[in-house]
Amino acid sequence: MNKATAEIYFDKLRPRKDGKCTVKIKITHNRKRKYISTGINLTPDAFEKVMHGKRKTLKQRQTYDTLIHQLDKAKQVINDLKVFTFDSFENTYFENRNIADSVSFAFDDYTEGLRNEKRISTAVSYK
């Protein structure tokens, strides 16, 4: 059975209006690909300096560390899944994304867990 792979992909084919291109994580499984945006946009020259430069500025080092962290997270998710599917990968990879983005989402998620545990009065209090 083929194992999925993850790597950093620089999307030069679709530059934005400002000349920057999106850096993505490319997931490949059974010759099918899925691209996940990292939220980082760089010029081709800046991408080369960030990824392959010998001496990096603080900002380049932080960008590099962010990219490597996201790549390592993707590889860890792939290794933790018993059976790989793109849906299960996305669910696990993006599991905590909404909690960091929204306090109301975190409260709703927590109250749903309380309702599942049959702790209705506590869930009503949080609601």
Protein backbone atom coordinates (compact mmCIF):
# COMPACT_ATOMS: atom_id res chain seq x y z
CA MET A 1 0.00 0.00 0.00
CA ASN A 2 1.39 3.40 -0.98
CA LYS A 3 2.12 5.89 1.73
CA ALA A 4 1.13 9.50 1.22
CA THR A 5 3.88 12.11 0.97
CA ALA A 6 4.04 15.78 1.87
CA GLU A 7 6.36 18.45 0.50
CA ILE A 8 6.60 22.21 0.16
CA TYR A 9 5.33 23.47 -3.20
CA PHE A 10 5.90 26.95 -4.64
CA ASP A 11 3.04 27.76 -7.03
CA LYS A 12 4.81 29.78 -9.74
CA LEU A 13 2.08 29.04 -12.28
CA ARG A 14 -0.48 31.32 -10.62
CA PRO A 15 1.22 34.54 -9.52
CA ARG A 16 -0.88 37.17 -7.80
CA LYS A 17 -1.23 40.73 -9.07
CA ASP A 18 1.62 41.89 -6.84
CA GLY A 19 4.01 39.30 -8.36
CA LYS A 20 4.07 37.06 -5.31
CA CYS A 21 3.22 33.37 -5.49
CA THR A 22 1.59 31.16 -2.87
CA VAL A 23 3.61 28.60 -0.93
CA LYS A 24 1.61 25.41 -0.37
CA ILE A 25 1.97 21.97 1.14
CA LYS A 26 1.51 19.31 -1.57
CA ILE A 27 0.02 16.02 -0.39
CA THR A 28 0.39 13.12 -2.83
CA HIS A 29 -1.30 9.74 -2.50
CA ASN A 30 -1.81 7.18 -5.28
CA ARG A 31 -0.73 9.77 -7.87
CA LYS A 32 -3.44 12.19 -6.76
CA ARG A 33 -2.50 15.56 -5.30
CA LYS A 34 -4.08 17.96 -2.87
CA TYR A 35 -2.64 21.41 -2.16
CA ILE A 36 -2.99 23.11 1.20
CA SER A 37 -2.22 26.79 1.46
CA THR A 38 0.26 27.88 4.11
CA GLY A 39 -0.91 31.49 4.02
CA ILE A 40 2.55 32.64 2.94
CA ASN A 41 3.11 34.52 -0.33
CA LEU A 42 6.63 35.18 -1.64
CA THR A 43 8.37 36.34 -4.77
CA PRO A 44 10.40 33.62 -6.55
CA ASP A 45 13.64 35.29 -5.42
CA ALA A 46 12.46 35.54 -1.81
CA PHE A 47 11.37 31.88 -1.85
CA GLU A 48 14.85 30.79 -2.96
CA LYS A 49 16.47 32.87 -0.22
CA VAL A 50 14.10 31.52 2.44
CA MET A 51 14.49 27.88 1.45
CA HIS A 52 18.09 27.68 0.24
CA GLY A 53 19.87 30.81 1.45
CA LYS A 54 23.00 30.38 3.55
CA ARG A 55 22.50 33.50 5.66
CA LYS A 56 18.93 34.34 6.48
CA THR A 57 17.52 37.45 8.06
CA LEU A 58 15.27 37.10 11.11
CA LYS A 59 12.13 37.43 8.96
CA GLN A 60 13.41 34.81 6.48
CA ARG A 61 14.24 32.45 9.37
CA GLN A 62 10.73 32.90 10.84
CA THR A 63 9.13 32.22 7.44
CA TYR A 64 11.31 29.13 6.99
CA ASP A 65 10.43 27.86 10.48
CA THR A 66 6.70 28.38 9.81
CA LEU A 67 6.89 26.43 6.56
CA ILE A 68 8.85 23.58 8.12
CA HIS A 69 6.43 23.46 11.07
CA GLN A 70 3.44 23.13 8.72
CA LEU A 71 5.26 20.48 6.67
CA ASP A 72 6.17 18.50 9.79
CA LYS A 73 2.56 18.71 11.01
CA ALA A 74 1.34 17.33 7.67
CA LYS A 75 3.86 14.48 7.79
CA GLN A 76 2.88 13.69 11.38
CA VAL A 77 -0.81 13.54 10.44
CA ILE A 78 0.01 11.21 7.54
CA ASN A 79 1.98 8.91 9.84
CA ASP A 80 -0.76 8.88 12.51
CA LEU A 81 -3.55 7.89 10.12
CA LYS A 82 -4.10 4.14 9.90
CA VAL A 83 -5.85 4.41 6.51
CA PHE A 84 -5.08 7.51 4.49
CA THR A 85 -7.84 9.42 2.74
CA PHE A 86 -7.74 13.08 1.81
CA ASP A 87 -10.88 13.73 3.89
CA SER A 88 -9.45 12.12 7.02
CA PHE A 89 -6.18 14.00 6.47
CA GLU A 90 -7.97 17.36 6.20
CA ASN A 91 -10.16 16.67 9.23
CA THR A 92 -7.11 15.87 11.34
CA TYR A 93 -4.84 18.59 9.91
CA PHE A 94 -7.43 21.35 10.34
CA GLU A 95 -8.89 19.99 13.59
CA ASN A 96 -8.00 22.92 15.85
CA ARG A 97 -7.97 25.66 13.22
CA ASN A 98 -11.44 27.04 13.98
CA ILE A 99 -10.88 27.04 17.74
CA ALA A 100 -7.99 29.48 17.39
CA ASP A 101 -9.97 31.68 15.01
CA SER A 102 -13.19 32.11 16.97
CA VAL A 103 -14.12 32.17 20.63
CA SER A 104 -17.77 31.52 19.79
CA PHE A 105 -16.80 28.40 17.85
CA ALA A 106 -14.86 27.13 20.86
CA PHE A 107 -17.85 27.73 23.14
CA ASP A 108 -20.24 26.02 20.73
CA ASP A 109 -17.91 23.05 20.39
CA TYR A 110 -17.52 22.78 24.16
CA THR A 111 -21.28 22.99 24.81
CA GLU A 112 -21.86 20.29 22.18
CA GLY A 113 -19.44 18.04 24.06
CA LEU A 114 -21.28 18.75 27.31
CA ARG A 115 -24.59 17.82 25.68
CA ASN A 116 -23.08 14.56 24.42
CA GLU A 117 -21.98 13.79 27.99
CA LYS A 118 -25.57 14.44 29.15
CA ARG A 119 -24.47 17.47 31.21
CA ILE A 120 -27.37 19.57 29.96
CA SER A 121 -27.55 22.15 32.77
CA THR A 122 -23.82 22.93 32.44
CA ALA A 123 -24.20 23.21 28.65
CA VAL A 124 -27.12 25.63 29.11
CA SER A 125 -24.97 27.73 31.46
CA TYR A 126 -22.21 27.97 28.86
CA LYS A 127 -24.68 28.75 26.10
